[in-house]
Amino acid sequence: MRKPFIAANWKMHKSVAESVAFVNAIKNKLPDPDKIEVGIAPQAFSLYSMKQAAGDSGLKIIAQNAAAEYSGPYTGEISLRGLKDLGASYAMLGHIERRRLFGENNEAVNKKVKAALQMDITPIICTDETMVQKEVNDEIHYVFQQLMSVLHGVSLDQIKRVVISYEPSWAVGVGQHANAALAEEGCRMIRRTIADNYTYEIADKIRILYGGSVNPDNIKEIMAKPDIDGVLIGRASLDVDNFLKMVNYAETEEKSLARAAGKQKSDNK
């Protein structure tokens, strides 16, 4: 079973004080970390303070970006070695806004992914819907070209440690309703791409997240899809109450089912 992963991308929001206050407000209300993994990607200057505040709550602290180089004359970059030292579990790489606004290309993201794996930090690889036709075993498949370019040189052993986030351009940062069926189709095709280029066994174990207009109203429908293992949430994750509703979506559903079962039993008496 692939463990669900609910992750927040705060982008350029919240001060250190606001970030720590947020962690303190949620850390005792998170789901069982053995059942659902929860993480937050804040601005870089809040990573250490949030890690300290999170303590043993199970909350994962995620870097929004990282450099391919571990050290050197790279003013303004974020070192993977430094992230490892402060206890960051994941680094989000290749986000669509990094590509659109800062010109990151597949080659640059590929170097970052391999550097993160070498540093034993799990990359969350963000990819879009760019696909090409490819013949595999005499069958025509649609392959995520961007994703496979970013995974170039990543070995069979390394790919097992990767998390992939599908973030279609039609749904990121636009505030429209997420289409669960389209989200599932994209994640399913990513899994097929991994199977074609690695193995079906590996593809079945890799967690694939969906990012784009996720909120408390649609998270249950999205998470019910078989090939969606989690979500990468933007603006809806900035509010404590909304975030807790989303990370506890499974518990809320269990309670609803329990209430419905109780009512049915009462009606049958």
Protein backbone atom coordinates (compact mmCIF):
# COMPACT_ATOMS: atom_id res chain seq x y z
CA MET A 1 0.00 0.00 0.00
CA ARG A 2 1.24 3.49 -0.88
CA LYS A 3 0.99 5.81 2.12
CA PRO A 4 -1.07 8.96 1.33
CA PHE A 5 0.95 12.17 1.35
CA ILE A 6 -0.70 15.56 1.96
CA ALA A 7 1.76 18.40 1.29
CA ALA A 8 1.39 22.18 1.44
CA ASN A 9 3.30 24.58 -0.79
CA TRP A 10 3.23 27.97 0.89
CA LYS A 11 5.19 29.67 -1.90
CA MET A 12 6.20 33.19 -0.78
CA HIS A 13 3.77 33.47 2.13
CA LYS A 14 4.11 33.65 5.94
CA SER A 15 6.85 35.08 8.13
CA VAL A 16 8.91 32.93 10.52
CA ALA A 17 6.61 33.82 13.41
CA GLU A 18 3.49 33.04 11.37
CA SER A 19 4.97 29.75 10.18
CA VAL A 20 5.87 28.60 13.70
CA ALA A 21 2.46 29.64 15.02
CA PHE A 22 0.85 27.56 12.27
CA VAL A 23 2.90 24.48 13.20
CA ASN A 24 2.05 24.90 16.88
CA ALA A 25 -1.64 25.13 15.99
CA ILE A 26 -1.69 21.89 13.96
CA LYS A 27 1.01 19.58 15.33
CA ASN A 28 -1.22 17.89 17.90
CA LYS A 29 -4.13 17.53 15.48
CA LEU A 30 -2.44 15.68 12.64
CA PRO A 31 -3.47 12.19 11.50
CA ASP A 32 -1.51 9.11 12.54
CA PRO A 33 1.84 9.45 10.68
CA ASP A 34 1.84 5.69 10.10
CA LYS A 35 -1.33 6.11 8.01
CA ILE A 36 -0.98 9.53 6.37
CA GLU A 37 2.16 11.60 5.81
CA VAL A 38 1.84 15.38 6.13
CA GLY A 39 4.38 17.98 5.04
CA ILE A 40 4.72 21.73 4.57
CA ALA A 41 7.02 23.62 2.20
CA PRO A 42 7.59 27.12 3.65
CA GLN A 43 9.97 29.86 2.64
CA ALA A 44 13.59 28.83 3.20
CA PHE A 45 14.16 31.12 6.18
CA SER A 46 11.40 29.33 8.12
CA LEU A 47 12.62 25.77 7.60
CA TYR A 48 14.77 25.44 10.73
CA SER A 49 12.31 27.12 13.10
CA MET A 50 9.44 25.03 11.78
CA LYS A 51 11.48 21.85 12.12
CA GLN A 52 12.16 22.72 15.76
CA ALA A 53 8.51 23.54 16.40
CA ALA A 54 7.30 20.32 14.76
CA GLY A 55 9.32 18.18 17.17
CA ASP A 56 8.21 14.55 17.11
CA SER A 57 4.76 15.32 15.64
CA GLY A 58 5.61 13.55 12.38
CA LEU A 59 5.18 16.73 10.33
CA LYS A 60 7.66 16.73 7.43
CA ILE A 61 9.42 19.96 6.49
CA ILE A 62 9.92 20.40 2.75
CA ALA A 63 12.24 22.75 0.86
CA GLN A 64 10.60 24.59 -2.03
CA ASN A 65 13.79 24.48 -4.08
CA ALA A 66 17.47 23.50 -3.92
CA ALA A 67 20.63 23.96 -5.94
CA ALA A 68 22.36 21.17 -7.84
CA GLU A 69 25.68 22.17 -6.25
CA TYR A 70 26.38 21.35 -2.62
CA SER A 71 28.54 24.44 -1.99
CA GLY A 72 30.43 27.16 -3.81
CA PRO A 73 30.06 30.67 -5.26
CA TYR A 74 26.31 30.52 -5.92
CA THR A 75 24.86 33.61 -4.27
CA GLY A 76 21.25 33.21 -3.24
CA GLU A 77 21.04 29.47 -3.85
CA ILE A 78 19.92 26.87 -1.28
CA SER A 79 22.38 24.09 -0.48
CA LEU A 80 21.17 20.50 -0.26
CA ARG A 81 23.89 19.88 2.29
CA GLY A 82 22.46 22.66 4.44
CA LEU A 83 18.97 21.26 4.02
CA LYS A 84 20.19 17.87 5.12
CA ASP A 85 21.86 19.39 8.19
CA LEU A 86 18.67 21.11 9.35
CA GLY A 87 16.62 17.96 8.88
CA ALA A 88 14.57 18.68 5.76
CA SER A 89 12.99 15.45 4.53
CA TYR A 90 12.08 16.50 1.02
CA ALA A 91 12.98 19.04 -1.66
CA MET A 92 10.38 20.14 -4.20
CA LEU A 93 12.07 20.40 -7.59
CA GLY A 94 10.95 21.63 -11.00
CA HIS A 95 7.77 23.38 -9.85
CA ILE A 96 5.91 25.00 -12.72
CA GLU A 97 6.49 28.47 -11.25
CA ARG A 98 10.24 27.83 -11.12
CA ARG A 99 10.07 26.98 -14.81
CA ARG A 100 7.80 29.86 -15.82
CA LEU A 101 9.32 32.63 -13.72
CA PHE A 102 12.97 31.62 -13.39
CA GLY A 103 13.63 29.73 -16.59
CA GLU A 104 14.48 26.35 -15.08
CA ASN A 105 14.68 23.69 -17.78
CA ASN A 106 14.72 19.90 -17.76
CA GLU A 107 18.51 19.70 -17.64
CA ALA A 108 18.72 21.96 -14.58
CA VAL A 109 15.98 20.05 -12.75
CA ASN A 110 17.62 16.73 -13.65
CA LYS A 111 20.88 17.85 -12.00
CA LYS A 112 18.99 18.90 -8.88
CA VAL A 113 17.14 15.59 -8.68
CA LYS A 114 20.34 13.57 -8.87
CA ALA A 115 22.07 15.82 -6.34
CA ALA A 116 19.15 15.45 -3.90
CA LEU A 117 19.25 11.66 -4.22
CA GLN A 118 22.99 11.67 -3.56
CA MET A 119 22.37 13.73 -0.41
CA ASP A 120 19.60 11.31 0.66
CA ILE A 121 16.90 13.97 0.43
CA THR A 122 13.75 12.78 -1.30
CA PRO A 123 12.94 14.85 -4.40
CA ILE A 124 9.32 15.74 -5.06
CA ILE A 125 9.52 16.09 -8.83
CA CYS A 126 6.89 18.39 -10.26
CA THR A 127 5.83 17.67 -13.84
CA ASP A 128 3.14 18.87 -16.23
CA GLU A 129 1.12 17.32 -19.03
CA THR A 130 3.73 17.61 -21.82
CA MET A 131 3.51 14.26 -23.60
CA VAL A 132 4.81 12.62 -26.76
CA GLN A 133 3.95 9.41 -28.57
CA LYS A 134 6.41 6.57 -28.10
CA GLU A 135 6.41 2.97 -29.28
CA VAL A 136 6.94 0.49 -26.42
CA ASN A 137 6.77 -3.24 -27.11
CA ASP A 138 5.04 -2.60 -30.43
CA GLU A 139 2.39 -0.46 -28.74
CA ILE A 140 1.96 3.31 -29.00
CA HIS A 141 2.03 4.95 -25.57
CA TYR A 142 1.82 8.56 -24.52
CA VAL A 143 4.91 9.36 -22.47
CA PHE A 144 5.50 12.32 -20.19
CA GLN A 145 8.46 13.78 -22.03
CA GLN A 146 9.29 16.39 -19.40
CA LEU A 147 9.31 13.81 -16.61
CA MET A 148 11.55 11.35 -18.44
CA SER A 149 14.00 14.13 -19.31
CA VAL A 150 14.18 15.06 -15.64
CA LEU A 151 14.70 11.39 -14.67
CA HIS A 152 17.53 10.86 -17.18
CA GLY A 153 20.32 8.92 -15.46
CA VAL A 154 18.23 8.10 -12.37
CA SER A 155 18.80 4.41 -11.62
CA LEU A 156 16.35 1.66 -10.73
CA ASP A 157 17.40 1.89 -7.09
CA GLN A 158 17.14 5.69 -7.03
CA ILE A 159 13.73 5.97 -8.70
CA LYS A 160 12.18 4.02 -5.79
CA ARG A 161 12.97 6.99 -3.53
CA VAL A 162 11.30 9.62 -5.73
CA VAL A 163 7.89 11.27 -5.27
CA ILE A 164 6.22 12.71 -8.36
CA SER A 165 3.69 15.54 -8.42
CA TYR A 166 1.43 16.02 -11.44
CA GLU A 167 0.64 19.71 -11.77
CA PRO A 168 -1.15 20.45 -15.05
CA SER A 169 -0.83 24.04 -16.25
CA TRP A 170 -4.62 24.38 -16.51
CA ALA A 171 -5.01 23.90 -12.74
CA VAL A 172 -2.02 25.52 -11.00
CA GLY A 173 -2.58 28.89 -9.37
CA VAL A 174 -5.79 29.63 -11.23
CA GLY A 175 -8.29 29.06 -8.42
CA GLN A 176 -10.67 27.02 -10.57
CA HIS A 177 -12.25 23.74 -9.49
CA ALA A 178 -9.96 20.72 -9.85
CA ASN A 179 -11.26 18.04 -12.19
CA ALA A 180 -10.74 14.74 -10.33
CA ALA A 181 -11.22 12.61 -13.45
CA LEU A 182 -8.57 14.53 -15.41
CA ALA A 183 -6.26 14.51 -12.40
CA GLU A 184 -6.59 10.72 -12.15
CA GLU A 185 -5.95 10.27 -15.86
CA GLY A 186 -2.75 12.33 -15.65
CA CYS A 187 -1.48 10.40 -12.61
CA ARG A 188 -2.38 7.10 -14.24
CA MET A 189 -0.41 7.99 -17.35
CA ILE A 190 2.58 9.04 -15.24
CA ARG A 191 2.49 5.63 -13.56
CA ARG A 192 2.33 3.98 -17.00
CA THR A 193 5.31 6.07 -18.12
CA ILE A 194 7.34 4.91 -15.10
CA ALA A 195 6.32 1.30 -15.77
CA ASP A 196 7.39 1.53 -19.40
CA ASN A 197 10.76 3.08 -18.57
CA TYR A 198 11.54 1.23 -15.32
CA THR A 199 9.34 -1.66 -14.18
CA TYR A 200 5.68 -2.20 -13.34
CA GLU A 201 6.66 -3.20 -9.82
CA ILE A 202 8.45 0.11 -9.26
CA ALA A 203 5.61 2.07 -10.84
CA ASP A 204 3.16 0.43 -8.46
CA LYS A 205 5.17 1.58 -5.44
CA ILE A 206 5.95 5.19 -6.42
CA ARG A 207 3.75 7.85 -4.87
CA ILE A 208 2.18 10.26 -7.33
CA LEU A 209 0.63 13.46 -6.02
CA TYR A 210 -1.76 15.84 -7.75
CA GLY A 211 -1.28 19.60 -7.49
CA GLY A 212 -3.77 22.19 -8.66
CA SER A 213 -6.79 23.88 -7.03
CA VAL A 214 -7.12 21.32 -4.21
CA ASN A 215 -9.35 22.44 -1.32
CA PRO A 216 -11.44 20.99 1.55
CA ASP A 217 -14.43 20.51 -0.75
CA ASN A 218 -12.74 18.34 -3.37
CA ILE A 219 -9.92 16.54 -1.54
CA LYS A 220 -11.99 13.44 -0.72
CA GLU A 221 -13.00 12.95 -4.35
CA ILE A 222 -9.43 13.45 -5.53
CA MET A 223 -7.90 11.14 -2.92
CA ALA A 224 -10.44 8.41 -3.77
CA LYS A 225 -8.85 7.99 -7.21
CA PRO A 226 -6.68 4.85 -7.41
CA ASP A 227 -3.59 6.43 -8.97
CA ILE A 228 -3.56 9.59 -6.83
CA ASP A 229 -1.54 9.01 -3.67
CA GLY A 230 -1.62 12.53 -2.31
CA VAL A 231 -1.94 16.20 -3.08
CA LEU A 232 0.25 19.27 -3.26
CA ILE A 233 -1.89 22.13 -1.96
CA GLY A 234 -1.32 25.81 -2.62
CA ARG A 235 -3.45 28.69 -1.36
CA ALA A 236 -5.97 26.48 0.46
CA SER A 237 -3.19 25.29 2.80
CA LEU A 238 -2.52 28.75 4.25
CA ASP A 239 -5.47 28.62 6.66
CA VAL A 240 -5.13 26.42 9.76
CA ASP A 241 -8.73 25.17 9.79
CA ASN A 242 -8.77 24.40 6.07
CA PHE A 243 -5.45 22.61 6.29
CA LEU A 244 -6.58 20.45 9.20
CA LYS A 245 -9.76 19.53 7.33
CA MET A 246 -7.68 18.40 4.37
CA VAL A 247 -5.03 16.40 6.23
CA ASN A 248 -7.75 14.70 8.26
CA TYR A 249 -9.97 13.97 5.25
CA ALA A 250 -9.82 10.20 5.91
CA GLU A 251 -10.78 10.52 9.59
CA THR A 252 -13.67 12.80 8.66
CA GLU A 253 -14.89 10.21 6.17
CA GLU A 254 -14.57 7.39 8.70
CA LYS A 255 -16.67 9.36 11.18
CA SER A 256 -19.29 10.06 8.51
CA LEU A 257 -19.47 6.37 7.62
CA ALA A 258 -19.70 5.44 11.30
CA ARG A 259 -22.55 7.91 11.81
CA ALA A 260 -24.33 6.58 8.73
CA ALA A 261 -23.91 2.98 9.94
CA GLY A 262 -25.21 3.96 13.38
CA LYS A 263 -28.23 5.66 11.87
CA GLN A 264 -28.94 2.63 9.68
CA LYS A 265 -28.75 0.34 12.70
CA SER A 266 -31.10 2.63 14.62
CA ASP A 267 -33.57 2.72 11.72
CA ASN A 268 -33.61 -1.05 11.53
CA LYS A 269 -34.56 -1.48 15.19
